[in-house]
Amino acid sequence: MRWLLGIVINAVLFMAFAGYFEESFYLSGFGAALGASFILSILNILVRPILIILTLPVTIISLGLFLFVINAITLLLTDSLMGAAFEINGFGMAFFAAILMSVVNLVIQKTVFEKKD
């Protein structure tokens, strides 16, 4: 259930990015946002751990900041898999979107998913 909620939250974030950054982030609709969010979650399960292991020395030297680059790479992979329905113009926009998504997802996880004691 939490995984599905994460997909919907990321789809809403994609829609917000597409509305705010019209010239560099394109979505054809909410269905494309859901599809891109689903593909991103699959890539985060399958590809992201491999990328983290391959870039572990750089990640350690950068004190974990290289993980934003890995997140941007997975966003660009999602862009290439989705075709014309989901477009990100360049690595810079993917990097910026990865940082924003990380911050928003952190805030949502701390407020919604954290158990009350």
N, C-alpha and C. Protein backbone atom coordinates (compact mmCIF):
# COMPACT_ATOMS: atom_id res chain seq x y z
N MET A 1 0.82 -1.20 0.00
CA MET A 1 0.00 0.00 0.00
C MET A 1 0.86 1.26 0.00
N ARG A 2 1.94 1.21 0.78
CA ARG A 2 2.84 2.34 0.87
C ARG A 2 3.54 2.59 -0.47
N TRP A 3 3.85 1.50 -1.19
CA TRP A 3 4.50 1.61 -2.49
C TRP A 3 3.58 2.30 -3.49
N LEU A 4 2.30 1.92 -3.49
CA LEU A 4 1.33 2.55 -4.40
C LEU A 4 1.12 4.02 -4.07
N LEU A 5 1.09 4.33 -2.79
CA LEU A 5 0.97 5.73 -2.39
C LEU A 5 2.18 6.54 -2.82
N GLY A 6 3.36 5.93 -2.75
CA GLY A 6 4.58 6.59 -3.22
C GLY A 6 4.53 6.85 -4.71
N ILE A 7 3.97 5.92 -5.48
CA ILE A 7 3.83 6.11 -6.92
C ILE A 7 2.89 7.27 -7.22
N VAL A 8 1.79 7.35 -6.50
CA VAL A 8 0.84 8.45 -6.72
C VAL A 8 1.46 9.79 -6.32
N ILE A 9 2.20 9.81 -5.22
CA ILE A 9 2.85 11.05 -4.78
C ILE A 9 3.87 11.51 -5.82
N ASN A 10 4.66 10.58 -6.34
CA ASN A 10 5.63 10.95 -7.38
C ASN A 10 4.93 11.42 -8.65
N ALA A 11 3.80 10.81 -8.99
CA ALA A 11 3.04 11.25 -10.17
C ALA A 11 2.54 12.68 -9.98
N VAL A 12 2.06 13.00 -8.79
CA VAL A 12 1.62 14.37 -8.51
C VAL A 12 2.80 15.33 -8.58
N LEU A 13 3.96 14.91 -8.08
CA LEU A 13 5.16 15.74 -8.19
C LEU A 13 5.55 15.98 -9.65
N PHE A 14 5.46 14.93 -10.47
CA PHE A 14 5.75 15.08 -11.89
C PHE A 14 4.80 16.07 -12.54
N MET A 15 3.53 16.01 -12.18
CA MET A 15 2.56 16.96 -12.73
C MET A 15 2.89 18.40 -12.29
N ALA A 16 3.30 18.55 -11.04
CA ALA A 16 3.67 19.89 -10.56
C ALA A 16 4.90 20.41 -11.29
N PHE A 17 5.90 19.54 -11.50
CA PHE A 17 7.09 19.95 -12.24
C PHE A 17 6.74 20.34 -13.67
N ALA A 18 5.86 19.56 -14.29
CA ALA A 18 5.47 19.85 -15.67
C ALA A 18 4.72 21.18 -15.76
N GLY A 19 3.96 21.51 -14.75
CA GLY A 19 3.25 22.78 -14.75
C GLY A 19 4.15 23.96 -14.46
N TYR A 20 5.12 23.76 -13.60
CA TYR A 20 5.98 24.87 -13.19
C TYR A 20 7.16 25.08 -14.14
N PHE A 21 7.74 23.99 -14.63
CA PHE A 21 8.89 24.07 -15.54
C PHE A 21 8.44 23.63 -16.93
N GLU A 22 7.56 24.39 -17.54
CA GLU A 22 6.93 24.00 -18.80
C GLU A 22 7.92 23.77 -19.93
N GLU A 23 8.95 24.60 -20.00
CA GLU A 23 9.87 24.51 -21.14
C GLU A 23 10.89 23.38 -21.01
N SER A 24 11.10 22.83 -19.82
CA SER A 24 12.12 21.81 -19.67
C SER A 24 11.62 20.49 -19.09
N PHE A 25 10.35 20.40 -18.76
CA PHE A 25 9.78 19.19 -18.19
C PHE A 25 8.39 19.01 -18.81
N TYR A 26 8.20 17.96 -19.60
CA TYR A 26 6.95 17.79 -20.33
C TYR A 26 6.29 16.47 -19.95
N LEU A 27 4.98 16.52 -19.74
CA LEU A 27 4.13 15.34 -19.52
C LEU A 27 2.91 15.47 -20.41
N SER A 28 2.47 14.34 -20.97
CA SER A 28 1.28 14.41 -21.82
C SER A 28 -0.01 14.34 -21.01
N GLY A 29 0.05 13.94 -19.76
CA GLY A 29 -1.14 13.86 -18.92
C GLY A 29 -0.85 13.11 -17.64
N PHE A 30 -1.91 12.95 -16.82
CA PHE A 30 -1.72 12.28 -15.54
C PHE A 30 -1.43 10.79 -15.72
N GLY A 31 -1.96 10.18 -16.77
CA GLY A 31 -1.64 8.78 -17.05
C GLY A 31 -0.16 8.59 -17.33
N ALA A 32 0.41 9.53 -18.07
CA ALA A 32 1.85 9.48 -18.33
C ALA A 32 2.64 9.68 -17.05
N ALA A 33 2.13 10.53 -16.17
CA ALA A 33 2.80 10.75 -14.89
C ALA A 33 2.77 9.49 -14.04
N LEU A 34 1.63 8.80 -14.03
CA LEU A 34 1.55 7.53 -13.29
C LEU A 34 2.47 6.48 -13.90
N GLY A 35 2.50 6.42 -15.23
CA GLY A 35 3.39 5.47 -15.89
C GLY A 35 4.85 5.76 -15.62
N ALA A 36 5.23 7.03 -15.68
CA ALA A 36 6.61 7.41 -15.40
C ALA A 36 6.97 7.14 -13.95
N SER A 37 6.05 7.38 -13.05
CA SER A 37 6.29 7.11 -11.64
C SER A 37 6.45 5.61 -11.39
N PHE A 38 5.65 4.80 -12.08
CA PHE A 38 5.76 3.35 -11.94
C PHE A 38 7.11 2.86 -12.49
N ILE A 39 7.49 3.35 -13.67
CA ILE A 39 8.78 2.96 -14.26
C ILE A 39 9.93 3.42 -13.37
N LEU A 40 9.83 4.62 -12.82
CA LEU A 40 10.87 5.11 -11.92
C LEU A 40 11.00 4.23 -10.69
N SER A 41 9.88 3.78 -10.15
CA SER A 41 9.95 2.91 -8.97
C SER A 41 10.58 1.57 -9.31
N ILE A 42 10.29 1.03 -10.49
CA ILE A 42 10.91 -0.22 -10.92
C ILE A 42 12.42 -0.03 -11.11
N LEU A 43 12.81 1.09 -11.73
CA LEU A 43 14.23 1.39 -11.91
C LEU A 43 14.93 1.58 -10.57
N ASN A 44 14.23 2.19 -9.61
CA ASN A 44 14.82 2.36 -8.27
C ASN A 44 15.01 1.02 -7.57
N ILE A 45 14.17 0.04 -7.89
CA ILE A 45 14.32 -1.28 -7.29
C ILE A 45 15.42 -2.08 -7.97
N LEU A 46 15.49 -2.00 -9.30
CA LEU A 46 16.40 -2.87 -10.06
C LEU A 46 17.74 -2.23 -10.39
N VAL A 47 17.74 -1.00 -10.88
CA VAL A 47 18.96 -0.39 -11.42
C VAL A 47 19.71 0.43 -10.38
N ARG A 48 19.00 1.15 -9.54
CA ARG A 48 19.64 2.06 -8.59
C ARG A 48 20.63 1.35 -7.66
N PRO A 49 20.31 0.17 -7.10
CA PRO A 49 21.32 -0.50 -6.26
C PRO A 49 22.60 -0.85 -7.01
N ILE A 50 22.48 -1.22 -8.27
CA ILE A 50 23.67 -1.53 -9.07
C ILE A 50 24.50 -0.28 -9.28
N LEU A 51 23.84 0.83 -9.59
CA LEU A 51 24.57 2.09 -9.76
C LEU A 51 25.23 2.54 -8.47
N ILE A 52 24.57 2.33 -7.35
CA ILE A 52 25.15 2.71 -6.06
C ILE A 52 26.40 1.88 -5.78
N ILE A 53 26.34 0.60 -6.04
CA ILE A 53 27.50 -0.26 -5.79
C ILE A 53 28.66 0.12 -6.72
N LEU A 54 28.35 0.38 -8.00
CA LEU A 54 29.40 0.73 -8.96
C LEU A 54 30.06 2.07 -8.64
N THR A 55 29.33 2.99 -8.05
CA THR A 55 29.86 4.32 -7.75
C THR A 55 30.11 4.53 -6.27
N LEU A 56 30.27 3.46 -5.52
CA LEU A 56 30.43 3.57 -4.07
C LEU A 56 31.62 4.44 -3.65
N PRO A 57 32.80 4.30 -4.28
CA PRO A 57 33.90 5.19 -3.86
C PRO A 57 33.58 6.68 -4.05
N VAL A 58 32.98 7.03 -5.17
CA VAL A 58 32.63 8.44 -5.41
C VAL A 58 31.56 8.89 -4.43
N THR A 59 30.62 8.02 -4.13
CA THR A 59 29.56 8.36 -3.18
C THR A 59 30.13 8.60 -1.79
N ILE A 60 31.09 7.77 -1.39
CA ILE A 60 31.70 7.95 -0.06
C ILE A 60 32.51 9.24 -0.02
N ILE A 61 33.29 9.50 -1.08
CA ILE A 61 34.11 10.72 -1.10
C ILE A 61 33.23 11.97 -1.08
N SER A 62 32.09 11.92 -1.77
CA SER A 62 31.19 13.09 -1.81
C SER A 62 30.23 13.12 -0.63
N LEU A 63 30.42 12.24 0.33
CA LEU A 63 29.58 12.16 1.53
C LEU A 63 28.11 11.93 1.19
N GLY A 64 27.86 11.16 0.14
CA GLY A 64 26.51 10.79 -0.24
C GLY A 64 25.83 11.71 -1.22
N LEU A 65 26.46 12.83 -1.53
CA LEU A 65 25.82 13.77 -2.45
C LEU A 65 25.75 13.23 -3.87
N PHE A 66 26.58 12.25 -4.22
CA PHE A 66 26.54 11.66 -5.55
C PHE A 66 25.24 10.88 -5.77
N LEU A 67 24.53 10.57 -4.69
CA LEU A 67 23.24 9.88 -4.84
C LEU A 67 22.24 10.74 -5.61
N PHE A 68 22.36 12.06 -5.54
CA PHE A 68 21.49 12.92 -6.35
C PHE A 68 21.77 12.72 -7.84
N VAL A 69 23.03 12.51 -8.18
CA VAL A 69 23.39 12.24 -9.57
C VAL A 69 22.79 10.91 -10.01
N ILE A 70 22.83 9.91 -9.14
CA ILE A 70 22.24 8.60 -9.46
C ILE A 70 20.73 8.75 -9.64
N ASN A 71 20.09 9.54 -8.79
CA ASN A 71 18.65 9.79 -8.94
C ASN A 71 18.35 10.49 -10.26
N ALA A 72 19.20 11.43 -10.65
CA ALA A 72 19.02 12.12 -11.93
C ALA A 72 19.19 11.15 -13.10
N ILE A 73 20.12 10.23 -12.97
CA ILE A 73 20.32 9.23 -14.02
C ILE A 73 19.09 8.33 -14.15
N THR A 74 18.50 7.94 -13.03
CA THR A 74 17.29 7.11 -13.11
C THR A 74 16.12 7.90 -13.70
N LEU A 75 16.06 9.20 -13.43
CA LEU A 75 15.03 10.03 -14.08
C LEU A 75 15.24 10.10 -15.58
N LEU A 76 16.49 10.22 -16.01
CA LEU A 76 16.77 10.25 -17.45
C LEU A 76 16.50 8.89 -18.10
N LEU A 77 16.74 7.81 -17.38
CA LEU A 77 16.39 6.48 -17.89
C LEU A 77 14.87 6.35 -18.03
N THR A 78 14.14 6.90 -17.07
CA THR A 78 12.68 6.90 -17.16
C THR A 78 12.24 7.70 -18.38
N ASP A 79 12.88 8.83 -18.60
CA ASP A 79 12.58 9.65 -19.78
C ASP A 79 12.80 8.87 -21.07
N SER A 80 13.89 8.13 -21.16
CA SER A 80 14.16 7.38 -22.38
C SER A 80 13.21 6.20 -22.56
N LEU A 81 12.75 5.61 -21.47
CA LEU A 81 11.82 4.48 -21.56
C LEU A 81 10.39 4.92 -21.86
N MET A 82 10.01 6.12 -21.44
CA MET A 82 8.64 6.60 -21.63
C MET A 82 8.38 7.15 -23.02
N GLY A 83 9.41 7.56 -23.70
CA GLY A 83 9.20 8.11 -25.04
C GLY A 83 8.74 9.55 -25.00
N ALA A 84 7.82 9.90 -25.89
CA ALA A 84 7.38 11.29 -26.04
C ALA A 84 6.39 11.73 -24.96
N ALA A 85 5.86 10.81 -24.18
CA ALA A 85 4.87 11.16 -23.16
C ALA A 85 5.50 11.82 -21.94
N PHE A 86 6.80 11.61 -21.75
CA PHE A 86 7.51 12.14 -20.58
C PHE A 86 8.88 12.60 -21.06
N GLU A 87 9.13 13.89 -20.98
CA GLU A 87 10.39 14.45 -21.50
C GLU A 87 11.03 15.34 -20.46
N ILE A 88 12.33 15.14 -20.26
CA ILE A 88 13.14 16.02 -19.42
C ILE A 88 14.25 16.56 -20.32
N ASN A 89 14.38 17.86 -20.39
CA ASN A 89 15.39 18.49 -21.24
C ASN A 89 16.70 18.65 -20.49
N GLY A 90 17.58 17.68 -20.59
CA GLY A 90 18.92 17.81 -20.07
C GLY A 90 19.13 17.26 -18.67
N PHE A 91 20.41 17.08 -18.39
CA PHE A 91 20.80 16.54 -17.09
C PHE A 91 20.55 17.53 -15.96
N GLY A 92 20.73 18.81 -16.24
CA GLY A 92 20.52 19.82 -15.20
C GLY A 92 19.11 19.81 -14.64
N MET A 93 18.13 19.71 -15.52
CA MET A 93 16.75 19.64 -15.06
C MET A 93 16.48 18.34 -14.31
N ALA A 94 17.05 17.24 -14.79
CA ALA A 94 16.89 15.96 -14.09
C ALA A 94 17.51 16.03 -12.70
N PHE A 95 18.67 16.66 -12.60
CA PHE A 95 19.34 16.81 -11.31
C PHE A 95 18.52 17.66 -10.36
N PHE A 96 18.00 18.78 -10.87
CA PHE A 96 17.17 19.67 -10.05
C PHE A 96 15.89 18.96 -9.61
N ALA A 97 15.26 18.21 -10.53
CA ALA A 97 14.06 17.46 -10.18
C ALA A 97 14.36 16.37 -9.16
N ALA A 98 15.53 15.74 -9.26
CA ALA A 98 15.91 14.70 -8.31
C ALA A 98 16.07 15.28 -6.90
N ILE A 99 16.67 16.47 -6.82
CA ILE A 99 16.83 17.12 -5.51
C ILE A 99 15.47 17.49 -4.94
N LEU A 100 14.61 18.10 -5.76
CA LEU A 100 13.27 18.49 -5.28
C LEU A 100 12.45 17.27 -4.86
N MET A 101 12.51 16.21 -5.66
CA MET A 101 11.76 15.00 -5.32
C MET A 101 12.26 14.39 -4.02
N SER A 102 13.56 14.39 -3.80
CA SER A 102 14.13 13.85 -2.57
C SER A 102 13.66 14.63 -1.36
N VAL A 103 13.68 15.95 -1.46
CA VAL A 103 13.26 16.80 -0.34
C VAL A 103 11.78 16.62 -0.06
N VAL A 104 10.95 16.65 -1.10
CA VAL A 104 9.51 16.52 -0.90
C VAL A 104 9.16 15.13 -0.36
N ASN A 105 9.78 14.09 -0.90
CA ASN A 105 9.51 12.74 -0.40
C ASN A 105 9.97 12.57 1.04
N LEU A 106 11.07 13.21 1.42
CA LEU A 106 11.53 13.16 2.81
C LEU A 106 10.51 13.81 3.74
N VAL A 107 10.02 14.98 3.35
CA VAL A 107 9.03 15.69 4.18
C VAL A 107 7.75 14.86 4.29
N ILE A 108 7.30 14.29 3.19
CA ILE A 108 6.07 13.50 3.21
C ILE A 108 6.24 12.25 4.06
N GLN A 109 7.39 11.59 3.95
CA GLN A 109 7.62 10.39 4.75
C GLN A 109 7.67 10.72 6.24
N LYS A 110 8.27 11.84 6.59
CA LYS A 110 8.34 12.20 8.00
C LYS A 110 6.99 12.61 8.58
N THR A 111 6.12 13.18 7.75
CA THR A 111 4.83 13.64 8.27
C THR A 111 3.74 12.59 8.13
N VAL A 112 3.71 11.84 7.03
CA VAL A 112 2.62 10.92 6.79
C VAL A 112 2.92 9.51 7.28
N PHE A 113 4.11 9.01 6.95
CA PHE A 113 4.41 7.61 7.24
C PHE A 113 5.01 7.35 8.60
N GLU A 114 5.46 8.38 9.30
CA GLU A 114 6.07 8.18 10.61
C GLU A 114 5.00 7.83 11.63
N LYS A 115 5.26 6.78 12.39
CA LYS A 115 4.30 6.34 13.39
C LYS A 115 4.30 7.28 14.58
N LYS A 116 3.11 7.54 15.07
CA LYS A 116 2.95 8.39 16.26
C LYS A 116 3.17 7.53 17.49
N ASP A 117 4.01 8.02 18.39
CA ASP A 117 4.26 7.28 19.65
C ASP A 117 3.43 7.78 20.79
